[in-house]
Amino acid sequence: MGKDRRKPHHVHGVIPIPKLIAHKIWDAENNKITTRLQKDFDSIETVSSVLMEPIQVGKLMNWSVYMFKGKEFNLDRFC
C-alpha cells in the first residue's frame, strides 16, 4: 500500500539538536536533511512529506510566533 496522498493537517515543531550529532540530521554542505534520514521518513507510509530546516540565528521567536499563529505563547508551559 502506498503513501496516503491526501493533504492532512500539518504539524510545526522545533527540535533542538546538539551540535555533536547535527551532522547525522542535517547535511550542511547541501543544505538539506541527510539522505539517510530522508530515506527513513520516506519509508513511513503514514507520513506524506517532511520539511525540515534550520532556524536562522536570531529568528527563533519569529518562528515560534508563526507556529502558534497568534495563540497565547507561554514558554513556561514547555519547561
N, C-alpha and C. Protein backbone atom coordinates (compact mmCIF):
# COMPACT_ATOMS: atom_id res chain seq x y z
N MET A 1 0.85 -1.18 0.00
CA MET A 1 0.00 0.00 0.00
C MET A 1 0.89 1.24 0.00
N GLY A 2 0.64 2.17 -0.88
CA GLY A 2 1.45 3.38 -0.99
C GLY A 2 1.09 4.43 0.06
N LYS A 3 1.80 5.50 0.01
CA LYS A 3 1.54 6.61 0.93
C LYS A 3 0.19 7.25 0.65
N ASP A 4 -0.44 7.74 1.68
CA ASP A 4 -1.71 8.45 1.55
C ASP A 4 -1.41 9.83 0.98
N ARG A 5 -1.84 10.11 -0.23
CA ARG A 5 -1.52 11.37 -0.90
C ARG A 5 -2.50 12.50 -0.57
N ARG A 6 -3.51 12.22 0.29
CA ARG A 6 -4.39 13.31 0.71
C ARG A 6 -3.58 14.31 1.50
N LYS A 7 -4.05 15.53 1.57
CA LYS A 7 -3.31 16.56 2.28
C LYS A 7 -3.83 16.66 3.71
N PRO A 8 -3.19 15.95 4.63
CA PRO A 8 -3.62 16.00 6.03
C PRO A 8 -3.19 17.31 6.68
N HIS A 9 -3.67 17.54 7.87
CA HIS A 9 -3.19 18.70 8.61
C HIS A 9 -1.69 18.59 8.74
N HIS A 10 -1.04 19.70 8.86
CA HIS A 10 0.40 19.65 9.02
C HIS A 10 0.77 20.09 10.43
N VAL A 11 1.97 19.74 10.81
CA VAL A 11 2.45 19.99 12.16
C VAL A 11 3.73 20.80 12.08
N HIS A 12 3.83 21.81 12.92
CA HIS A 12 5.06 22.59 13.04
C HIS A 12 5.73 22.20 14.35
N GLY A 13 7.02 22.27 14.38
CA GLY A 13 7.73 21.96 15.61
C GLY A 13 9.15 22.46 15.56
N VAL A 14 9.74 22.54 16.72
CA VAL A 14 11.15 22.90 16.84
C VAL A 14 11.82 21.77 17.61
N ILE A 15 12.85 21.23 17.04
CA ILE A 15 13.57 20.13 17.68
C ILE A 15 15.01 20.59 17.93
N PRO A 16 15.37 20.76 19.20
CA PRO A 16 16.76 21.14 19.48
C PRO A 16 17.68 19.93 19.26
N ILE A 17 18.70 20.13 18.47
CA ILE A 17 19.63 19.05 18.15
C ILE A 17 21.03 19.48 18.57
N PRO A 18 21.66 18.71 19.45
CA PRO A 18 23.02 19.06 19.88
C PRO A 18 23.99 19.09 18.69
N LYS A 19 24.90 20.03 18.69
CA LYS A 19 25.87 20.16 17.59
C LYS A 19 26.65 18.87 17.37
N LEU A 20 26.87 18.13 18.43
CA LEU A 20 27.65 16.89 18.36
C LEU A 20 27.03 15.87 17.39
N ILE A 21 25.72 15.87 17.27
CA ILE A 21 25.06 14.90 16.38
C ILE A 21 24.33 15.56 15.20
N ALA A 22 24.44 16.86 15.07
CA ALA A 22 23.74 17.57 13.99
C ALA A 22 24.08 17.02 12.61
N HIS A 23 25.31 16.56 12.42
CA HIS A 23 25.71 16.02 11.11
C HIS A 23 24.93 14.77 10.72
N LYS A 24 24.31 14.10 11.69
CA LYS A 24 23.50 12.92 11.40
C LYS A 24 22.10 13.30 10.93
N ILE A 25 21.73 14.56 11.18
CA ILE A 25 20.40 15.05 10.84
C ILE A 25 20.44 15.99 9.64
N TRP A 26 21.41 16.90 9.66
CA TRP A 26 21.46 17.98 8.67
C TRP A 26 22.74 17.92 7.85
N ASP A 27 22.59 17.92 6.53
CA ASP A 27 23.72 17.95 5.59
C ASP A 27 23.98 19.42 5.27
N ALA A 28 24.92 20.02 5.99
CA ALA A 28 25.19 21.46 5.85
C ALA A 28 25.75 21.80 4.47
N GLU A 29 26.51 20.91 3.90
CA GLU A 29 27.11 21.16 2.58
C GLU A 29 26.04 21.31 1.50
N ASN A 30 24.98 20.51 1.60
CA ASN A 30 23.90 20.54 0.60
C ASN A 30 22.64 21.23 1.11
N ASN A 31 22.70 21.75 2.34
CA ASN A 31 21.60 22.50 2.94
C ASN A 31 20.26 21.73 2.91
N LYS A 32 20.31 20.48 3.41
CA LYS A 32 19.11 19.65 3.47
C LYS A 32 19.31 18.56 4.53
N ILE A 33 18.21 17.86 4.86
CA ILE A 33 18.37 16.77 5.81
C ILE A 33 19.21 15.67 5.15
N THR A 34 19.85 14.87 5.96
CA THR A 34 20.73 13.84 5.41
C THR A 34 19.93 12.83 4.59
N THR A 35 20.58 12.25 3.62
CA THR A 35 19.94 11.26 2.75
C THR A 35 19.41 10.09 3.57
N ARG A 36 20.17 9.66 4.54
CA ARG A 36 19.74 8.53 5.37
C ARG A 36 18.45 8.86 6.12
N LEU A 37 18.38 10.05 6.71
CA LEU A 37 17.17 10.44 7.44
C LEU A 37 15.99 10.59 6.47
N GLN A 38 16.23 11.15 5.29
CA GLN A 38 15.16 11.29 4.30
C GLN A 38 14.61 9.92 3.91
N LYS A 39 15.50 8.94 3.73
CA LYS A 39 15.05 7.58 3.41
C LYS A 39 14.20 7.02 4.53
N ASP A 40 14.58 7.31 5.78
CA ASP A 40 13.78 6.85 6.92
C ASP A 40 12.38 7.47 6.88
N PHE A 41 12.30 8.77 6.65
CA PHE A 41 10.99 9.42 6.55
C PHE A 41 10.18 8.84 5.39
N ASP A 42 10.83 8.63 4.26
CA ASP A 42 10.14 8.09 3.08
C ASP A 42 9.59 6.68 3.31
N SER A 43 10.20 5.95 4.23
CA SER A 43 9.76 4.57 4.49
C SER A 43 8.51 4.50 5.37
N ILE A 44 8.11 5.62 5.98
CA ILE A 44 6.95 5.64 6.86
C ILE A 44 5.71 5.95 6.02
N GLU A 45 4.84 4.97 5.87
CA GLU A 45 3.69 5.12 4.98
C GLU A 45 2.71 6.19 5.43
N THR A 46 2.63 6.46 6.72
CA THR A 46 1.65 7.44 7.21
C THR A 46 2.17 8.87 7.17
N VAL A 47 3.42 9.08 6.76
CA VAL A 47 3.99 10.42 6.63
C VAL A 47 4.00 10.77 5.16
N SER A 48 3.24 11.82 4.78
CA SER A 48 3.18 12.16 3.36
C SER A 48 4.37 13.00 2.92
N SER A 49 4.89 13.86 3.80
CA SER A 49 6.08 14.64 3.47
C SER A 49 6.65 15.25 4.74
N VAL A 50 7.90 15.66 4.65
CA VAL A 50 8.60 16.29 5.77
C VAL A 50 9.40 17.46 5.22
N LEU A 51 9.28 18.59 5.88
CA LEU A 51 10.14 19.74 5.57
C LEU A 51 10.88 20.07 6.86
N MET A 52 12.17 19.91 6.82
CA MET A 52 12.99 20.21 7.98
C MET A 52 14.05 21.21 7.54
N GLU A 53 14.23 22.24 8.33
CA GLU A 53 15.23 23.25 8.00
C GLU A 53 15.71 23.90 9.29
N PRO A 54 16.95 24.37 9.29
CA PRO A 54 17.47 25.03 10.50
C PRO A 54 16.83 26.40 10.68
N ILE A 55 16.68 26.79 11.92
CA ILE A 55 16.19 28.13 12.22
C ILE A 55 17.37 29.09 12.11
N GLN A 56 17.17 30.18 11.42
CA GLN A 56 18.24 31.16 11.26
C GLN A 56 18.57 31.79 12.61
N VAL A 57 19.82 32.12 12.80
CA VAL A 57 20.28 32.74 14.04
C VAL A 57 19.45 33.99 14.31
N GLY A 58 18.91 34.08 15.53
CA GLY A 58 18.13 35.24 15.93
C GLY A 58 16.67 35.21 15.50
N LYS A 59 16.22 34.11 14.87
CA LYS A 59 14.85 34.04 14.34
C LYS A 59 13.96 33.05 15.08
N LEU A 60 14.41 32.50 16.20
CA LEU A 60 13.61 31.52 16.93
C LEU A 60 12.27 32.10 17.38
N MET A 61 12.25 33.32 17.89
CA MET A 61 11.00 33.90 18.36
C MET A 61 10.04 34.13 17.18
N ASN A 62 10.55 34.56 16.04
CA ASN A 62 9.70 34.75 14.85
C ASN A 62 9.04 33.43 14.47
N TRP A 63 9.81 32.36 14.46
CA TRP A 63 9.27 31.06 14.10
C TRP A 63 8.24 30.60 15.13
N SER A 64 8.50 30.84 16.40
CA SER A 64 7.56 30.46 17.46
C SER A 64 6.23 31.18 17.30
N VAL A 65 6.27 32.47 17.01
CA VAL A 65 5.04 33.24 16.80
C VAL A 65 4.27 32.67 15.61
N TYR A 66 4.97 32.36 14.53
CA TYR A 66 4.32 31.78 13.35
C TYR A 66 3.68 30.43 13.69
N MET A 67 4.41 29.58 14.40
CA MET A 67 3.90 28.26 14.74
C MET A 67 2.61 28.33 15.55
N PHE A 68 2.55 29.26 16.48
CA PHE A 68 1.39 29.36 17.35
C PHE A 68 0.27 30.21 16.75
N LYS A 69 0.53 30.82 15.59
CA LYS A 69 -0.49 31.56 14.83
C LYS A 69 -1.35 32.48 15.70
N GLY A 70 -0.70 33.27 16.53
CA GLY A 70 -1.42 34.25 17.33
C GLY A 70 -2.00 33.72 18.62
N LYS A 71 -1.90 32.42 18.86
CA LYS A 71 -2.40 31.86 20.11
C LYS A 71 -1.45 32.25 21.24
N GLU A 72 -1.93 32.20 22.44
CA GLU A 72 -1.08 32.56 23.59
C GLU A 72 0.15 31.66 23.61
N PHE A 73 1.29 32.28 23.74
CA PHE A 73 2.55 31.54 23.77
C PHE A 73 3.20 31.79 25.11
N ASN A 74 3.28 30.76 25.91
CA ASN A 74 3.89 30.85 27.24
C ASN A 74 4.97 29.79 27.32
N LEU A 75 6.22 30.21 27.27
CA LEU A 75 7.34 29.29 27.28
C LEU A 75 7.35 28.44 28.55
N ASP A 76 6.80 28.93 29.64
CA ASP A 76 6.78 28.17 30.89
C ASP A 76 6.04 26.84 30.73
N ARG A 77 5.11 26.75 29.78
CA ARG A 77 4.37 25.50 29.54
C ARG A 77 5.28 24.40 29.06
N PHE A 78 6.42 24.74 28.48
CA PHE A 78 7.28 23.76 27.86
C PHE A 78 8.54 23.47 28.67
N CYS A 79 8.74 24.18 29.74
CA CYS A 79 9.96 23.99 30.53
C CYS A 79 9.65 23.30 31.83
